[in-house]
């Protein structure tokens, strides 16, 4: 259904929306051909992280949402309006259910800074920071 709506939009939509749909489609195809730009033996490892590949979906998703909003316009047939409304309601519901942000880990930053204050000049330390696995390397001057 979504593909039929996109095909209908590429035939009937204003020129700017057609270009936006084409741009989203080209980005989608490029992300399938070479998702990371890395050598092929490292791509799966890189993409196995949960949010690594999400940037490739931004423009295609926005072009699809623009198509759905255009589908609600008065000049489109009732069936296109209904399909667009169903997809939009599903997208809003899915965003509300799926959106979550993990709690930040308390690494006791104040205690780490107190340890840093007792270092001698020239000594280095690493302080863990959010997100998990990151650290800040500091050198006392």
C-alpha atoms as a PDB file:
ATOM      1  CA  UNK A   1       0.000   0.000   0.000  1.00  0.00           C
ATOM      2  CA  UNK A   2       2.756   2.413   0.929  1.00  0.00           C
ATOM      3  CA  UNK A   3       4.583   1.755  -2.318  1.00  0.00           C
ATOM      4  CA  UNK A   4       1.380   2.374  -4.285  1.00  0.00           C
ATOM      5  CA  UNK A   5       0.912   5.663  -2.440  1.00  0.00           C
ATOM      6  CA  UNK A   6       4.473   6.703  -3.281  1.00  0.00           C
ATOM      7  CA  UNK A   7       3.968   5.746  -6.934  1.00  0.00           C
ATOM      8  CA  UNK A   8       0.730   7.749  -7.010  1.00  0.00           C
ATOM      9  CA  UNK A   9       2.547  10.721  -5.484  1.00  0.00           C
ATOM     10  CA  UNK A  10       5.347  10.537  -8.044  1.00  0.00           C
ATOM     11  CA  UNK A  11       2.698  10.777 -10.755  1.00  0.00           C
ATOM     12  CA  UNK A  12       0.349  13.391  -9.265  1.00  0.00           C
ATOM     13  CA  UNK A  13       2.259  15.392  -6.619  1.00  0.00           C
ATOM     14  CA  UNK A  14       3.799  18.834  -7.116  1.00  0.00           C
ATOM     15  CA  UNK A  15       7.265  18.902  -8.662  1.00  0.00           C
ATOM     16  CA  UNK A  16       9.016  19.748  -5.372  1.00  0.00           C
ATOM     17  CA  UNK A  17       7.519  16.743  -3.618  1.00  0.00           C
ATOM     18  CA  UNK A  18       8.501  14.525  -6.539  1.00  0.00           C
ATOM     19  CA  UNK A  19      12.091  15.730  -6.190  1.00  0.00           C
ATOM     20  CA  UNK A  20      12.003  15.116  -2.434  1.00  0.00           C
ATOM     21  CA  UNK A  21      10.690  11.574  -2.977  1.00  0.00           C
ATOM     22  CA  UNK A  22      13.425  10.971  -5.558  1.00  0.00           C
ATOM     23  CA  UNK A  23      16.067  12.303  -3.157  1.00  0.00           C
ATOM     24  CA  UNK A  24      14.824  10.001  -0.378  1.00  0.00           C
ATOM     25  CA  UNK A  25      14.785   7.058  -2.783  1.00  0.00           C
ATOM     26  CA  UNK A  26      18.349   7.764  -3.933  1.00  0.00           C
ATOM     27  CA  UNK A  27      19.608   7.969  -0.352  1.00  0.00           C
ATOM     28  CA  UNK A  28      17.852   4.707   0.427  1.00  0.00           C
ATOM     29  CA  UNK A  29      19.458   2.982  -2.582  1.00  0.00           C
ATOM     30  CA  UNK A  30      22.894   4.418  -1.733  1.00  0.00           C
ATOM     31  CA  UNK A  31      22.588   3.140   1.834  1.00  0.00           C
ATOM     32  CA  UNK A  32      21.840  -0.337   0.531  1.00  0.00           C
ATOM     33  CA  UNK A  33      24.811  -0.301  -1.855  1.00  0.00           C
ATOM     34  CA  UNK A  34      27.366   0.946   0.675  1.00  0.00           C
ATOM     35  CA  UNK A  35      25.873   1.497   4.119  1.00  0.00           C
ATOM     36  CA  UNK A  36      29.025   2.712   5.855  1.00  0.00           C
ATOM     37  CA  UNK A  37      31.647   3.528   3.295  1.00  0.00           C
ATOM     38  CA  UNK A  38      33.887   1.129   5.218  1.00  0.00           C
ATOM     39  CA  UNK A  39      35.514  -1.963   3.730  1.00  0.00           C
ATOM     40  CA  UNK A  40      32.975  -4.795   3.364  1.00  0.00           C
ATOM     41  CA  UNK A  41      34.489  -6.906   6.159  1.00  0.00           C
ATOM     42  CA  UNK A  42      33.772  -4.187   8.791  1.00  0.00           C
ATOM     43  CA  UNK A  43      30.237  -3.152   7.739  1.00  0.00           C
ATOM     44  CA  UNK A  44      28.311  -5.817   9.643  1.00  0.00           C
ATOM     45  CA  UNK A  45      30.198  -5.102  12.853  1.00  0.00           C
ATOM     46  CA  UNK A  46      29.540  -1.375  12.455  1.00  0.00           C
ATOM     47  CA  UNK A  47      25.851  -1.808  11.601  1.00  0.00           C
ATOM     48  CA  UNK A  48      25.268  -4.304  14.417  1.00  0.00           C
ATOM     49  CA  UNK A  49      25.099  -1.396  16.850  1.00  0.00           C
ATOM     50  CA  UNK A  50      21.462  -0.475  17.352  1.00  0.00           C
ATOM     51  CA  UNK A  51      21.528   3.155  16.212  1.00  0.00           C
ATOM     52  CA  UNK A  52      24.410   3.205  13.757  1.00  0.00           C
ATOM     53  CA  UNK A  53      22.384   2.940  10.559  1.00  0.00           C
ATOM     54  CA  UNK A  54      19.486   5.173  11.610  1.00  0.00           C
ATOM     55  CA  UNK A  55      20.900   8.207   9.816  1.00  0.00           C
ATOM     56  CA  UNK A  56      20.173   6.517   6.494  1.00  0.00           C
ATOM     57  CA  UNK A  57      16.460   6.458   7.230  1.00  0.00           C
ATOM     58  CA  UNK A  58      15.966  10.138   8.116  1.00  0.00           C
ATOM     59  CA  UNK A  59      15.503  11.616   4.624  1.00  0.00           C
ATOM     60  CA  UNK A  60      13.539   8.631   3.247  1.00  0.00           C
ATOM     61  CA  UNK A  61      11.226   8.754   6.284  1.00  0.00           C
ATOM     62  CA  UNK A  62      10.744  12.502   5.931  1.00  0.00           C
ATOM     63  CA  UNK A  63       9.941  12.150   2.240  1.00  0.00           C
ATOM     64  CA  UNK A  64       7.407   9.430   3.055  1.00  0.00           C
ATOM     65  CA  UNK A  65       5.830  11.605   5.779  1.00  0.00           C
ATOM     66  CA  UNK A  66       5.659  14.515   3.342  1.00  0.00           C
ATOM     67  CA  UNK A  67       3.922  12.184   0.898  1.00  0.00           C
ATOM     68  CA  UNK A  68       1.414  11.191   3.584  1.00  0.00           C
ATOM     69  CA  UNK A  69       0.643  14.812   4.454  1.00  0.00           C
ATOM     70  CA  UNK A  70       0.262  15.635   0.772  1.00  0.00           C
ATOM     71  CA  UNK A  71      -2.081  12.632   0.488  1.00  0.00           C
ATOM     72  CA  UNK A  72      -4.468  14.369   2.895  1.00  0.00           C
ATOM     73  CA  UNK A  73      -4.895  17.376   0.596  1.00  0.00           C
ATOM     74  CA  UNK A  74      -8.362  18.188  -0.779  1.00  0.00           C
ATOM     75  CA  UNK A  75      -7.560  17.479  -4.415  1.00  0.00           C
ATOM     76  CA  UNK A  76      -6.749  13.791  -3.823  1.00  0.00           C
ATOM     77  CA  UNK A  77      -9.360  11.029  -4.040  1.00  0.00           C
ATOM     78  CA  UNK A  78     -10.989   9.793  -0.842  1.00  0.00           C
ATOM     79  CA  UNK A  79      -9.141   6.467  -0.895  1.00  0.00           C
ATOM     80  CA  UNK A  80      -5.763   8.269  -0.961  1.00  0.00           C
ATOM     81  CA  UNK A  81      -6.858  10.448   1.965  1.00  0.00           C
ATOM     82  CA  UNK A  82      -7.960   7.383   3.946  1.00  0.00           C
ATOM     83  CA  UNK A  83      -4.731   5.473   3.255  1.00  0.00           C
ATOM     84  CA  UNK A  84      -2.643   8.529   4.157  1.00  0.00           C
ATOM     85  CA  UNK A  85      -4.600   9.076   7.364  1.00  0.00           C
ATOM     86  CA  UNK A  86      -4.210   5.423   8.399  1.00  0.00           C
ATOM     87  CA  UNK A  87      -0.456   5.523   7.775  1.00  0.00           C
ATOM     88  CA  UNK A  88      -0.103   8.817   9.666  1.00  0.00           C
ATOM     89  CA  UNK A  89      -2.095   7.545  12.643  1.00  0.00           C
ATOM     90  CA  UNK A  90      -0.010   4.371  12.660  1.00  0.00           C
ATOM     91  CA  UNK A  91       3.207   6.411  12.519  1.00  0.00           C
ATOM     92  CA  UNK A  92       2.114   8.650  15.412  1.00  0.00           C
ATOM     93  CA  UNK A  93       1.053   5.655  17.498  1.00  0.00           C
ATOM     94  CA  UNK A  94       4.290   3.816  16.705  1.00  0.00           C
ATOM     95  CA  UNK A  95       6.384   6.848  17.629  1.00  0.00           C
ATOM     96  CA  UNK A  96       4.569   7.228  20.950  1.00  0.00           C
ATOM     97  CA  UNK A  97       4.963   3.545  21.839  1.00  0.00           C
ATOM     98  CA  UNK A  98       8.517   3.095  20.579  1.00  0.00           C
ATOM     99  CA  UNK A  99      10.142   6.339  21.702  1.00  0.00           C
ATOM    100  CA  UNK A 100      12.290   5.863  24.748  1.00  0.00           C
ATOM    101  CA  UNK A 101      15.582   7.188  25.916  1.00  0.00           C
ATOM    102  CA  UNK A 102      17.736   5.113  28.241  1.00  0.00           C
ATOM    103  CA  UNK A 103      18.506   6.565  31.624  1.00  0.00           C
ATOM    104  CA  UNK A 104      21.952   8.043  31.985  1.00  0.00           C
ATOM    105  CA  UNK A 105      24.364   6.121  34.192  1.00  0.00           C
ATOM    106  CA  UNK A 106      25.530   7.884  37.338  1.00  0.00           C
ATOM    107  CA  UNK A 107      29.314   7.597  37.223  1.00  0.00           C
ATOM    108  CA  UNK A 108      29.791   9.643  40.406  1.00  0.00           C
ATOM    109  CA  UNK A 109      31.368  12.519  38.504  1.00  0.00           C
ATOM    110  CA  UNK A 110      31.981  14.541  41.661  1.00  0.00           C
ATOM    111  CA  UNK A 111      34.048  11.712  43.196  1.00  0.00           C
ATOM    112  CA  UNK A 112      36.037  11.358  39.971  1.00  0.00           C
ATOM    113  CA  UNK A 113      36.849  15.086  39.997  1.00  0.00           C
ATOM    114  CA  UNK A 114      37.918  14.884  43.624  1.00  0.00           C
ATOM    115  CA  UNK A 115      40.352  12.106  42.619  1.00  0.00           C
ATOM    116  CA  UNK A 116      41.567  14.294  39.749  1.00  0.00           C
ATOM    117  CA  UNK A 117      42.329  17.177  42.119  1.00  0.00           C
ATOM    118  CA  UNK A 118      44.808  15.006  44.017  1.00  0.00           C
ATOM    119  CA  UNK A 119      46.811  14.114  40.901  1.00  0.00           C
ATOM    120  CA  UNK A 120      50.282  15.566  40.379  1.00  0.00           C
ATOM    121  CA  UNK A 121      50.982  17.927  37.503  1.00  0.00           C
ATOM    122  CA  UNK A 122      51.366  16.001  34.249  1.00  0.00           C
ATOM    123  CA  UNK A 123      49.444  12.925  35.403  1.00  0.00           C
ATOM    124  CA  UNK A 124      46.557  11.655  33.321  1.00  0.00           C
ATOM    125  CA  UNK A 125      43.244  10.071  34.259  1.00  0.00           C
ATOM    126  CA  UNK A 126      40.221   8.750  32.429  1.00  0.00           C
ATOM    127  CA  UNK A 127      36.763   9.625  33.722  1.00  0.00           C
ATOM    128  CA  UNK A 128      33.825   7.531  32.472  1.00  0.00           C
ATOM    129  CA  UNK A 129      31.004   9.552  30.899  1.00  0.00           C
ATOM    130  CA  UNK A 130      27.704   8.878  29.169  1.00  0.00           C
ATOM    131  CA  UNK A 131      26.939   7.146  26.883  1.00  0.00           C
ATOM    132  CA  UNK A 132      28.188   3.825  28.241  1.00  0.00           C
ATOM    133  CA  UNK A 133      31.686   2.970  27.108  1.00  0.00           C
ATOM    134  CA  UNK A 134      32.860   6.554  26.619  1.00  0.00           C
ATOM    135  CA  UNK A 135      35.471   8.240  28.749  1.00  0.00           C
ATOM    136  CA  UNK A 136      37.046  11.640  29.075  1.00  0.00           C
ATOM    137  CA  UNK A 137      40.823  11.723  29.314  1.00  0.00           C
ATOM    138  CA  UNK A 138      42.178  14.562  31.422  1.00  0.00           C
ATOM    139  CA  UNK A 139      45.738  15.706  32.050  1.00  0.00           C
ATOM    140  CA  UNK A 140      46.454  17.816  35.115  1.00  0.00           C
ATOM    141  CA  UNK A 141      48.398  21.012  34.310  1.00  0.00           C
END
